[in-house]
Amino acid sequence: MAVVFGSMEWYEQVKELANKDEGFKKGTADWEGAVRTVVIMDEELLKDYSREEYVRGFMSTVSLMSKEQRAQFEGTPMGNLMKKLGYSLDVDIATIDPAESAKRFSQLTLDDVKGVEMHGVFEPYHGILREMRPIMPDEYKDARFTLSGPYSAWKALCSGKQTSVQLVMSGKMKLEGDMSYMMKHMAAMNALTKLYSQIELV
């Protein structure tokens, strides 16, 4: 079943597949350390989020946050985005109408989502993917690596159109962290890229 990139279903499918996939287990057999991911909203996201299924995917991750956690976004680009969509940060997520939200997204401009980021983490450990989930911006600040880029680049990666190496080398994505460790463990990144491409996206 096709899933929305970045939704809880997507995170869950990646984790489930990783922990069954022999290629992933072999590629990450000696890997230790988390990779923090940063997805930056862009024009392609605005286009996708004008569709109900994408809004549902987005809200599936927002719903994991408590009202106290969401309150931390006050005055931030994400908090401002929620206001532009007509929602307070303490809104009951279950009451949000995906169709109406999709319509509101379709009326936003690139300036409206400038600086808005979505964060996640994946943490392979000796062949097991033990963490794969959305996170708050202040979590995993000490991750071994941070991989960041616009939504369009992430979709290219997760659909198998380009590898993380290609995207980083072209400047479309940025990788920060222990580069010597990464060079010694490219098999792990290649295994993850291959895994991503096996998840059918909406």
Foldseek 3Di string as FASTA:
>chain_A
DAAAPQAPVLLVLLQVCLLVDPLLLVLCQAPFWKEKEKAAEAPVLLVVLLDLRNLVRVLNQLQVDALVLLVVCVPPLVQQLCVQLPHHSNDNSVPDDSNSSSNSSNPDDRVSRPRPIWMWMWTDHNSHTPGGGTDRPPPPPVTQKYKYAYPVVVVCQLLLVDASVVCCVVVRMPMDHDVVVCVVSVSNSVSSSVSSNVRHHD
